[in-house]
Amino acid sequence: MVLAHSIFMVSLIISSSMVIFDFDKESDISDWKIVNDAVMGGRSGSKFNLNEGGHGVFKGTVSLENNGGFASLRHRFTRKNIQGYEKVRIYLKGDGKRYQFRAKTNKEDQQAYISYFQTTGEWQTIEIMLSALEPTFRGRKLNMPNFPAEELQEVGFMIGNKVNENFELVIDKITLE
């Protein structure tokens, strides 16, 4: 009996995940905000909406005009204790382009913790170790420790590949494992 109980508890620990956002046709996306290079005078444009399948769609155009070059999307929420979680898992469909996943422990922090990922044009699961998220501010790596993985209050995505390009990222689910 003790062995069966121990196996059950290990199974619970291994399979436990925290859902950050699971898109569906009824999702309230009002806490998802666009932040483009227009904040610095750039000309990139993007939008975020739900498609007919209930997935979040982040799409637009990145323009290098007027010192621009990025489009981003962020989701802020009540701060979550994430101690014990090791990675973020994102189920998405990209367009073959490179994106950043971004996280903040506190929405007021200036720095964001980032990792790049490459999309394939097909549905895929992206897994990023939380300990691999590097601190940055305005595109520059900071001399401070990587993401502490204790609290989380914001996640987001950014595209800024130093080229003029159209993009589309379709997001289904974001969890912590």
N, C-alpha and C. Protein backbone atom coordinates (compact mmCIF):
# COMPACT_ATOMS: atom_id res chain seq x y z
N MET A 1 0.83 -1.20 0.00
CA MET A 1 0.00 0.00 0.00
C MET A 1 0.87 1.26 0.00
N VAL A 2 1.92 1.27 0.79
CA VAL A 2 2.80 2.43 0.83
C VAL A 2 3.46 2.66 -0.53
N LEU A 3 3.88 1.58 -1.19
CA LEU A 3 4.51 1.69 -2.51
C LEU A 3 3.52 2.26 -3.52
N ALA A 4 2.28 1.77 -3.52
CA ALA A 4 1.27 2.28 -4.44
C ALA A 4 1.00 3.76 -4.19
N HIS A 5 0.93 4.15 -2.92
CA HIS A 5 0.72 5.55 -2.56
C HIS A 5 1.90 6.39 -3.02
N SER A 6 3.11 5.91 -2.85
CA SER A 6 4.31 6.65 -3.28
C SER A 6 4.32 6.82 -4.79
N ILE A 7 3.98 5.79 -5.52
CA ILE A 7 3.95 5.88 -6.98
C ILE A 7 2.89 6.89 -7.42
N PHE A 8 1.73 6.87 -6.75
CA PHE A 8 0.67 7.82 -7.07
C PHE A 8 1.14 9.25 -6.82
N MET A 9 1.82 9.50 -5.71
CA MET A 9 2.29 10.84 -5.38
C MET A 9 3.36 11.30 -6.38
N VAL A 10 4.27 10.42 -6.76
CA VAL A 10 5.28 10.76 -7.76
C VAL A 10 4.60 11.09 -9.08
N SER A 11 3.59 10.31 -9.45
CA SER A 11 2.85 10.55 -10.68
C SER A 11 2.18 11.92 -10.65
N LEU A 12 1.61 12.31 -9.52
CA LEU A 12 0.99 13.62 -9.39
C LEU A 12 2.02 14.73 -9.55
N ILE A 13 3.17 14.56 -8.93
CA ILE A 13 4.21 15.57 -9.02
C ILE A 13 4.71 15.71 -10.45
N ILE A 14 4.94 14.61 -11.12
CA ILE A 14 5.46 14.62 -12.48
C ILE A 14 4.45 15.21 -13.45
N SER A 15 3.18 14.90 -13.29
CA SER A 15 2.18 15.34 -14.26
C SER A 15 1.55 16.69 -13.93
N SER A 16 1.92 17.30 -12.82
CA SER A 16 1.29 18.56 -12.48
C SER A 16 1.83 19.68 -13.37
N SER A 17 0.92 20.49 -13.84
CA SER A 17 1.30 21.65 -14.63
C SER A 17 0.41 22.81 -14.22
N MET A 18 0.89 24.01 -14.51
CA MET A 18 0.13 25.21 -14.22
C MET A 18 -0.23 25.84 -15.56
N VAL A 19 -1.50 26.03 -15.79
CA VAL A 19 -1.95 26.66 -17.03
C VAL A 19 -1.82 28.17 -16.87
N ILE A 20 -1.06 28.77 -17.78
CA ILE A 20 -0.95 30.23 -17.82
C ILE A 20 -2.08 30.79 -18.68
N PHE A 21 -2.30 30.17 -19.85
CA PHE A 21 -3.43 30.55 -20.70
C PHE A 21 -3.74 29.42 -21.65
N ASP A 22 -5.01 29.08 -21.77
CA ASP A 22 -5.48 28.04 -22.68
C ASP A 22 -6.57 28.67 -23.55
N PHE A 23 -6.24 28.99 -24.78
CA PHE A 23 -7.16 29.69 -25.66
C PHE A 23 -8.30 28.78 -26.11
N ASP A 24 -9.48 29.36 -26.19
CA ASP A 24 -10.64 28.71 -26.80
C ASP A 24 -11.56 29.81 -27.33
N LYS A 25 -12.66 29.43 -27.93
CA LYS A 25 -13.55 30.40 -28.57
C LYS A 25 -14.15 31.41 -27.58
N GLU A 26 -14.17 31.06 -26.30
CA GLU A 26 -14.76 31.93 -25.28
C GLU A 26 -13.71 32.70 -24.48
N SER A 27 -12.44 32.59 -24.84
CA SER A 27 -11.36 33.23 -24.08
C SER A 27 -11.52 34.75 -24.03
N ASP A 28 -11.29 35.29 -22.84
CA ASP A 28 -11.25 36.74 -22.66
C ASP A 28 -9.80 37.16 -22.89
N ILE A 29 -9.56 37.84 -23.99
CA ILE A 29 -8.19 38.24 -24.32
C ILE A 29 -7.94 39.72 -24.02
N SER A 30 -8.80 40.33 -23.20
CA SER A 30 -8.66 41.76 -22.92
C SER A 30 -7.39 42.09 -22.13
N ASP A 31 -6.78 41.11 -21.46
CA ASP A 31 -5.52 41.35 -20.74
C ASP A 31 -4.29 41.13 -21.61
N TRP A 32 -4.47 40.82 -22.88
CA TRP A 32 -3.37 40.69 -23.84
C TRP A 32 -3.22 42.04 -24.54
N LYS A 33 -2.02 42.61 -24.50
CA LYS A 33 -1.79 43.96 -25.05
C LYS A 33 -0.66 43.95 -26.07
N ILE A 34 -0.85 44.73 -27.11
CA ILE A 34 0.17 44.94 -28.14
C ILE A 34 1.09 46.07 -27.69
N VAL A 35 2.40 45.87 -27.85
CA VAL A 35 3.39 46.93 -27.63
C VAL A 35 4.37 46.85 -28.80
N ASN A 36 4.26 47.80 -29.72
CA ASN A 36 5.12 47.81 -30.90
C ASN A 36 6.17 48.91 -30.80
N ASP A 37 7.05 48.96 -31.78
CA ASP A 37 8.11 49.95 -31.79
C ASP A 37 7.60 51.37 -31.92
N ALA A 38 6.31 51.56 -32.15
CA ALA A 38 5.73 52.91 -32.22
C ALA A 38 5.99 53.68 -30.92
N VAL A 39 6.20 52.96 -29.81
CA VAL A 39 6.51 53.62 -28.55
C VAL A 39 7.83 54.38 -28.64
N MET A 40 8.65 54.04 -29.68
CA MET A 40 9.94 54.71 -29.89
C MET A 40 9.98 55.40 -31.26
N GLY A 41 8.83 55.57 -31.89
CA GLY A 41 8.77 56.24 -33.18
C GLY A 41 8.75 55.31 -34.38
N GLY A 42 8.82 54.01 -34.16
CA GLY A 42 8.83 53.05 -35.26
C GLY A 42 7.48 52.94 -35.96
N ARG A 43 7.47 52.13 -37.02
CA ARG A 43 6.27 52.02 -37.87
C ARG A 43 5.70 50.60 -37.95
N SER A 44 6.17 49.70 -37.11
CA SER A 44 5.64 48.33 -37.13
C SER A 44 4.20 48.34 -36.62
N GLY A 45 3.41 47.40 -37.10
CA GLY A 45 2.02 47.31 -36.68
C GLY A 45 1.62 45.86 -36.47
N SER A 46 0.80 45.63 -35.46
CA SER A 46 0.33 44.27 -35.20
C SER A 46 -1.02 44.31 -34.52
N LYS A 47 -1.65 43.15 -34.49
CA LYS A 47 -2.93 43.02 -33.79
C LYS A 47 -3.00 41.62 -33.18
N PHE A 48 -3.94 41.46 -32.27
CA PHE A 48 -4.14 40.18 -31.60
C PHE A 48 -5.63 39.92 -31.51
N ASN A 49 -6.04 38.73 -31.94
CA ASN A 49 -7.45 38.37 -31.88
C ASN A 49 -7.59 36.85 -31.78
N LEU A 50 -8.81 36.42 -31.57
CA LEU A 50 -9.11 34.98 -31.59
C LEU A 50 -9.56 34.62 -33.00
N ASN A 51 -9.08 33.48 -33.50
CA ASN A 51 -9.55 33.01 -34.80
C ASN A 51 -10.77 32.12 -34.62
N GLU A 52 -11.32 31.63 -35.73
CA GLU A 52 -12.53 30.81 -35.68
C GLU A 52 -12.33 29.52 -34.90
N GLY A 53 -11.10 29.05 -34.78
CA GLY A 53 -10.81 27.84 -34.01
C GLY A 53 -10.60 28.10 -32.53
N GLY A 54 -10.63 29.37 -32.12
CA GLY A 54 -10.44 29.70 -30.72
C GLY A 54 -8.98 29.83 -30.32
N HIS A 55 -8.10 30.06 -31.27
CA HIS A 55 -6.68 30.25 -30.97
C HIS A 55 -6.35 31.74 -30.98
N GLY A 56 -5.37 32.12 -30.18
CA GLY A 56 -4.89 33.50 -30.19
C GLY A 56 -4.01 33.71 -31.41
N VAL A 57 -4.26 34.79 -32.16
CA VAL A 57 -3.48 35.07 -33.36
C VAL A 57 -2.81 36.44 -33.22
N PHE A 58 -1.48 36.43 -33.19
CA PHE A 58 -0.65 37.62 -33.13
C PHE A 58 -0.04 37.79 -34.52
N LYS A 59 -0.43 38.86 -35.23
CA LYS A 59 0.09 39.02 -36.58
C LYS A 59 0.25 40.49 -36.92
N GLY A 60 1.09 40.72 -37.92
CA GLY A 60 1.33 42.09 -38.34
C GLY A 60 2.53 42.20 -39.25
N THR A 61 3.12 43.41 -39.22
CA THR A 61 4.25 43.73 -40.05
C THR A 61 5.31 44.42 -39.22
N VAL A 62 6.54 43.92 -39.31
CA VAL A 62 7.68 44.58 -38.67
C VAL A 62 8.33 45.47 -39.72
N SER A 63 8.54 46.72 -39.36
CA SER A 63 9.16 47.70 -40.24
C SER A 63 10.40 48.27 -39.57
N LEU A 64 11.48 48.39 -40.34
CA LEU A 64 12.70 49.01 -39.84
C LEU A 64 12.67 50.53 -40.01
N GLU A 65 11.63 51.03 -40.66
CA GLU A 65 11.52 52.46 -40.92
C GLU A 65 11.49 53.26 -39.62
N ASN A 66 12.14 54.42 -39.64
CA ASN A 66 12.13 55.35 -38.51
C ASN A 66 12.68 54.71 -37.23
N ASN A 67 13.75 53.91 -37.37
CA ASN A 67 14.41 53.23 -36.24
C ASN A 67 13.52 52.21 -35.56
N GLY A 68 12.57 51.65 -36.30
CA GLY A 68 11.70 50.62 -35.75
C GLY A 68 12.34 49.26 -35.86
N GLY A 69 11.52 48.23 -35.65
CA GLY A 69 12.05 46.89 -35.82
C GLY A 69 11.47 45.82 -34.93
N PHE A 70 10.39 46.09 -34.18
CA PHE A 70 9.82 45.01 -33.39
C PHE A 70 8.31 45.18 -33.20
N ALA A 71 7.68 44.05 -32.94
CA ALA A 71 6.27 44.00 -32.55
C ALA A 71 6.20 43.02 -31.39
N SER A 72 5.41 43.35 -30.38
CA SER A 72 5.31 42.44 -29.24
C SER A 72 3.90 42.38 -28.69
N LEU A 73 3.68 41.32 -27.93
CA LEU A 73 2.40 41.02 -27.32
C LEU A 73 2.68 40.58 -25.89
N ARG A 74 1.92 41.10 -24.93
CA ARG A 74 2.13 40.69 -23.54
C ARG A 74 0.80 40.40 -22.85
N HIS A 75 0.90 39.52 -21.87
CA HIS A 75 -0.25 39.15 -21.06
C HIS A 75 0.14 39.31 -19.60
N ARG A 76 -0.53 40.22 -18.91
CA ARG A 76 -0.30 40.45 -17.48
C ARG A 76 -1.43 39.83 -16.69
N PHE A 77 -1.09 39.31 -15.50
CA PHE A 77 -2.07 38.63 -14.67
C PHE A 77 -1.65 38.75 -13.21
N THR A 78 -2.50 38.29 -12.32
CA THR A 78 -2.17 38.30 -10.90
C THR A 78 -0.92 37.46 -10.68
N ARG A 79 0.00 37.98 -9.89
CA ARG A 79 1.28 37.30 -9.67
C ARG A 79 1.06 35.88 -9.17
N LYS A 80 1.80 34.94 -9.79
CA LYS A 80 1.70 33.52 -9.47
C LYS A 80 3.00 33.02 -8.83
N ASN A 81 2.86 32.21 -7.80
CA ASN A 81 4.01 31.52 -7.23
C ASN A 81 4.30 30.33 -8.13
N ILE A 82 5.49 30.31 -8.72
CA ILE A 82 5.82 29.24 -9.67
C ILE A 82 6.99 28.38 -9.18
N GLN A 83 7.29 28.44 -7.90
CA GLN A 83 8.38 27.61 -7.37
C GLN A 83 8.08 26.14 -7.64
N GLY A 84 9.10 25.42 -8.10
CA GLY A 84 8.94 24.01 -8.38
C GLY A 84 8.71 23.71 -9.86
N TYR A 85 8.36 24.73 -10.64
CA TYR A 85 8.20 24.52 -12.08
C TYR A 85 9.54 24.77 -12.77
N GLU A 86 9.81 23.99 -13.80
CA GLU A 86 11.12 24.06 -14.44
C GLU A 86 11.10 24.60 -15.86
N LYS A 87 9.96 24.49 -16.54
CA LYS A 87 9.95 24.94 -17.93
C LYS A 87 8.57 25.45 -18.33
N VAL A 88 8.60 26.25 -19.37
CA VAL A 88 7.35 26.71 -19.99
C VAL A 88 7.16 25.85 -21.23
N ARG A 89 5.93 25.47 -21.47
CA ARG A 89 5.57 24.68 -22.65
C ARG A 89 4.49 25.46 -23.40
N ILE A 90 4.75 25.71 -24.69
CA ILE A 90 3.84 26.50 -25.51
C ILE A 90 3.47 25.68 -26.74
N TYR A 91 2.18 25.50 -26.96
CA TYR A 91 1.71 24.82 -28.16
C TYR A 91 1.27 25.91 -29.12
N LEU A 92 1.92 25.98 -30.29
CA LEU A 92 1.68 27.07 -31.22
C LEU A 92 1.96 26.66 -32.65
N LYS A 93 1.56 27.54 -33.55
CA LYS A 93 1.87 27.37 -34.97
C LYS A 93 2.42 28.70 -35.46
N GLY A 94 3.66 28.67 -35.88
CA GLY A 94 4.30 29.87 -36.39
C GLY A 94 4.34 29.89 -37.90
N ASP A 95 5.18 30.75 -38.41
CA ASP A 95 5.29 30.96 -39.85
C ASP A 95 6.71 30.70 -40.35
N GLY A 96 7.47 29.96 -39.57
CA GLY A 96 8.85 29.67 -39.95
C GLY A 96 9.84 30.72 -39.48
N LYS A 97 9.38 31.71 -38.75
CA LYS A 97 10.26 32.79 -38.29
C LYS A 97 10.68 32.58 -36.84
N ARG A 98 11.68 33.36 -36.43
CA ARG A 98 12.20 33.31 -35.05
C ARG A 98 11.46 34.34 -34.20
N TYR A 99 11.09 33.93 -32.99
CA TYR A 99 10.41 34.78 -32.03
C TYR A 99 11.11 34.72 -30.69
N GLN A 100 10.73 35.64 -29.81
CA GLN A 100 11.17 35.61 -28.41
C GLN A 100 9.97 35.24 -27.55
N PHE A 101 10.23 34.40 -26.55
CA PHE A 101 9.29 34.25 -25.44
C PHE A 101 9.82 35.15 -24.36
N ARG A 102 8.94 35.89 -23.69
CA ARG A 102 9.35 36.85 -22.66
C ARG A 102 8.57 36.59 -21.37
N ALA A 103 9.24 36.78 -20.24
CA ALA A 103 8.60 36.60 -18.93
C ALA A 103 9.08 37.68 -17.98
N LYS A 104 8.20 38.06 -17.06
CA LYS A 104 8.55 39.01 -16.01
C LYS A 104 8.05 38.47 -14.68
N THR A 105 8.85 38.65 -13.65
CA THR A 105 8.42 38.26 -12.31
C THR A 105 7.45 39.28 -11.73
N ASN A 106 7.60 40.53 -12.17
CA ASN A 106 6.77 41.63 -11.69
C ASN A 106 6.52 42.55 -12.88
N LYS A 107 5.28 42.91 -13.13
CA LYS A 107 4.96 43.73 -14.30
C LYS A 107 5.66 45.09 -14.27
N GLU A 108 6.09 45.53 -13.09
CA GLU A 108 6.77 46.83 -12.96
C GLU A 108 8.26 46.74 -13.25
N ASP A 109 8.81 45.54 -13.33
CA ASP A 109 10.25 45.39 -13.61
C ASP A 109 10.57 45.97 -14.98
N GLN A 110 11.74 46.60 -15.08
CA GLN A 110 12.21 47.09 -16.37
C GLN A 110 12.72 45.95 -17.24
N GLN A 111 13.39 44.99 -16.63
CA GLN A 111 13.96 43.88 -17.39
C GLN A 111 12.91 42.82 -17.69
N ALA A 112 13.09 42.17 -18.82
CA ALA A 112 12.32 40.99 -19.17
C ALA A 112 13.31 39.85 -19.31
N TYR A 113 12.84 38.65 -19.07
CA TYR A 113 13.67 37.46 -19.22
C TYR A 113 13.23 36.79 -20.52
N ILE A 114 14.19 36.53 -21.41
CA ILE A 114 13.83 36.08 -22.75
C ILE A 114 14.56 34.81 -23.17
N SER A 115 13.94 34.15 -24.15
CA SER A 115 14.58 33.06 -24.88
C SER A 115 14.01 33.08 -26.29
N TYR A 116 14.85 32.80 -27.26
CA TYR A 116 14.42 32.73 -28.65
C TYR A 116 13.93 31.33 -28.98
N PHE A 117 12.99 31.26 -29.92
CA PHE A 117 12.57 29.96 -30.45
C PHE A 117 12.26 30.12 -31.93
N GLN A 118 12.48 29.05 -32.66
CA GLN A 118 12.25 29.03 -34.10
C GLN A 118 10.96 28.28 -34.38
N THR A 119 10.12 28.86 -35.22
CA THR A 119 8.89 28.17 -35.61
C THR A 119 9.12 27.42 -36.93
N THR A 120 8.25 26.44 -37.19
CA THR A 120 8.43 25.57 -38.36
C THR A 120 7.37 25.75 -39.44
N GLY A 121 6.30 26.47 -39.13
CA GLY A 121 5.18 26.57 -40.06
C GLY A 121 4.10 25.53 -39.77
N GLU A 122 4.39 24.62 -38.86
CA GLU A 122 3.45 23.57 -38.44
C GLU A 122 3.15 23.76 -36.96
N TRP A 123 2.10 23.07 -36.47
CA TRP A 123 1.84 23.06 -35.04
C TRP A 123 3.03 22.39 -34.35
N GLN A 124 3.50 22.99 -33.27
CA GLN A 124 4.64 22.44 -32.55
C GLN A 124 4.55 22.81 -31.07
N THR A 125 5.26 22.05 -30.27
CA THR A 125 5.37 22.34 -28.84
C THR A 125 6.76 22.90 -28.59
N ILE A 126 6.80 24.11 -28.07
CA ILE A 126 8.05 24.77 -27.71
C ILE A 126 8.23 24.57 -26.22
N GLU A 127 9.40 24.09 -25.81
CA GLU A 127 9.72 23.95 -24.39
C GLU A 127 10.96 24.77 -24.09
N ILE A 128 10.86 25.62 -23.07
CA ILE A 128 11.96 26.48 -22.68
C ILE A 128 12.18 26.31 -21.19
N MET A 129 13.40 25.97 -20.82
CA MET A 129 13.73 25.88 -19.39
C MET A 129 13.66 27.28 -18.79
N LEU A 130 12.99 27.42 -17.67
CA LEU A 130 12.88 28.72 -17.02
C LEU A 130 14.26 29.26 -16.64
N SER A 131 15.14 28.36 -16.23
CA SER A 131 16.49 28.78 -15.83
C SER A 131 17.31 29.31 -17.00
N ALA A 132 16.85 29.07 -18.24
CA ALA A 132 17.57 29.54 -19.43
C ALA A 132 17.11 30.93 -19.88
N LEU A 133 16.05 31.47 -19.27
CA LEU A 133 15.56 32.79 -19.64
C LEU A 133 16.56 33.85 -19.17
N GLU A 134 17.09 34.62 -20.13
CA GLU A 134 18.13 35.61 -19.82
C GLU A 134 17.54 37.00 -19.65
N PRO A 135 18.08 37.77 -18.68
CA PRO A 135 17.58 39.12 -18.44
C PRO A 135 18.04 40.09 -19.52
N THR A 136 17.09 40.89 -20.04
CA THR A 136 17.41 41.90 -21.04
C THR A 136 16.62 43.17 -20.76
N PHE A 137 17.12 44.26 -21.31
CA PHE A 137 16.41 45.53 -21.27
C PHE A 137 16.66 46.23 -22.60
N ARG A 138 15.60 46.51 -23.34
CA ARG A 138 15.68 47.16 -24.65
C ARG A 138 16.69 46.47 -25.57
N GLY A 139 16.64 45.14 -25.58
CA GLY A 139 17.46 44.37 -26.50
C GLY A 139 18.88 44.10 -26.05
N ARG A 140 19.24 44.55 -24.86
CA ARG A 140 20.60 44.33 -24.36
C ARG A 140 20.57 43.37 -23.18
N LYS A 141 21.47 42.39 -23.23
CA LYS A 141 21.60 41.43 -22.12
C LYS A 141 22.15 42.15 -20.90
N LEU A 142 21.55 41.88 -19.75
CA LEU A 142 21.96 42.50 -18.50
C LEU A 142 22.89 41.58 -17.72
N ASN A 143 23.77 42.18 -16.94
CA ASN A 143 24.69 41.43 -16.10
C ASN A 143 24.01 41.14 -14.76
N MET A 144 23.11 40.17 -14.78
CA MET A 144 22.40 39.74 -13.58
C MET A 144 21.98 38.29 -13.81
N PRO A 145 21.58 37.59 -12.76
CA PRO A 145 21.23 36.17 -12.91
C PRO A 145 20.03 35.95 -13.84
N ASN A 146 19.96 34.76 -14.39
CA ASN A 146 18.81 34.37 -15.22
C ASN A 146 17.54 34.34 -14.38
N PHE A 147 16.43 34.09 -15.03
CA PHE A 147 15.11 34.09 -14.40
C PHE A 147 15.09 33.28 -13.11
N PRO A 148 14.64 33.87 -12.00
CA PRO A 148 14.66 33.17 -10.71
C PRO A 148 13.60 32.07 -10.56
N ALA A 149 12.59 32.06 -11.40
CA ALA A 149 11.54 31.03 -11.38
C ALA A 149 10.88 30.87 -10.00
N GLU A 150 10.59 32.00 -9.38
CA GLU A 150 9.88 32.00 -8.10
C GLU A 150 8.48 32.59 -8.25
N GLU A 151 8.37 33.67 -9.00
CA GLU A 151 7.09 34.32 -9.25
C GLU A 151 6.99 34.70 -10.73
N LEU A 152 5.75 34.82 -11.21
CA LEU A 152 5.51 35.18 -12.60
C LEU A 152 4.28 36.08 -12.66
N GLN A 153 4.39 37.20 -13.39
CA GLN A 153 3.26 38.10 -13.52
C GLN A 153 3.01 38.55 -14.97
N GLU A 154 3.91 38.18 -15.88
CA GLU A 154 3.72 38.56 -17.27
C GLU A 154 4.43 37.59 -18.19
N VAL A 155 3.78 37.24 -19.28
CA VAL A 155 4.41 36.48 -20.35
C VAL A 155 4.13 37.20 -21.65
N GLY A 156 4.95 36.95 -22.65
CA GLY A 156 4.73 37.61 -23.92
C GLY A 156 5.57 37.03 -25.03
N PHE A 157 5.35 37.60 -26.20
CA PHE A 157 6.06 37.20 -27.41
C PHE A 157 6.51 38.45 -28.14
N MET A 158 7.66 38.35 -28.81
CA MET A 158 8.17 39.47 -29.58
C MET A 158 8.81 38.93 -30.86
N ILE A 159 8.70 39.72 -31.91
CA ILE A 159 9.43 39.45 -33.14
C ILE A 159 10.20 40.71 -33.48
N GLY A 160 11.47 40.54 -33.79
CA GLY A 160 12.34 41.66 -34.13
C GLY A 160 13.63 41.11 -34.73
N ASN A 161 13.54 40.62 -35.95
CA ASN A 161 14.67 39.92 -36.58
C ASN A 161 15.55 40.82 -37.44
N LYS A 162 15.41 42.14 -37.26
CA LYS A 162 16.22 43.11 -38.00
C LYS A 162 15.98 43.07 -39.51
N VAL A 163 14.74 42.71 -39.88
CA VAL A 163 14.32 42.74 -41.29
C VAL A 163 12.87 43.22 -41.36
N ASN A 164 12.51 43.80 -42.50
CA ASN A 164 11.11 44.12 -42.76
C ASN A 164 10.41 42.81 -43.07
N GLU A 165 9.35 42.48 -42.35
CA GLU A 165 8.66 41.21 -42.60
C GLU A 165 7.25 41.21 -42.04
N ASN A 166 6.39 40.42 -42.68
CA ASN A 166 5.07 40.12 -42.15
C ASN A 166 5.23 38.89 -41.26
N PHE A 167 4.35 38.75 -40.29
CA PHE A 167 4.44 37.60 -39.39
C PHE A 167 3.06 37.19 -38.92
N GLU A 168 2.98 35.94 -38.46
CA GLU A 168 1.76 35.42 -37.84
C GLU A 168 2.13 34.28 -36.91
N LEU A 169 1.74 34.41 -35.66
CA LEU A 169 1.97 33.41 -34.63
C LEU A 169 0.62 33.04 -34.04
N VAL A 170 0.26 31.77 -34.14
CA VAL A 170 -1.03 31.27 -33.62
C VAL A 170 -0.73 30.50 -32.34
N ILE A 171 -1.37 30.91 -31.24
CA ILE A 171 -1.06 30.33 -29.92
C ILE A 171 -2.27 29.56 -29.41
N ASP A 172 -2.02 28.34 -28.94
CA ASP A 172 -3.08 27.49 -28.41
C ASP A 172 -3.05 27.43 -26.88
N LYS A 173 -1.88 27.15 -26.31
CA LYS A 173 -1.82 26.94 -24.86
C LYS A 173 -0.42 27.24 -24.33
N ILE A 174 -0.37 27.83 -23.13
CA ILE A 174 0.89 28.11 -22.44
C ILE A 174 0.78 27.52 -21.04
N THR A 175 1.70 26.62 -20.69
CA THR A 175 1.70 26.02 -19.36
C THR A 175 3.10 26.03 -18.77
N LEU A 176 3.16 25.84 -17.48
CA LEU A 176 4.43 25.60 -16.79
C LEU A 176 4.44 24.15 -16.37
N GLU A 177 5.57 23.52 -16.49
CA GLU A 177 5.72 22.10 -16.13
C GLU A 177 6.78 21.97 -15.05
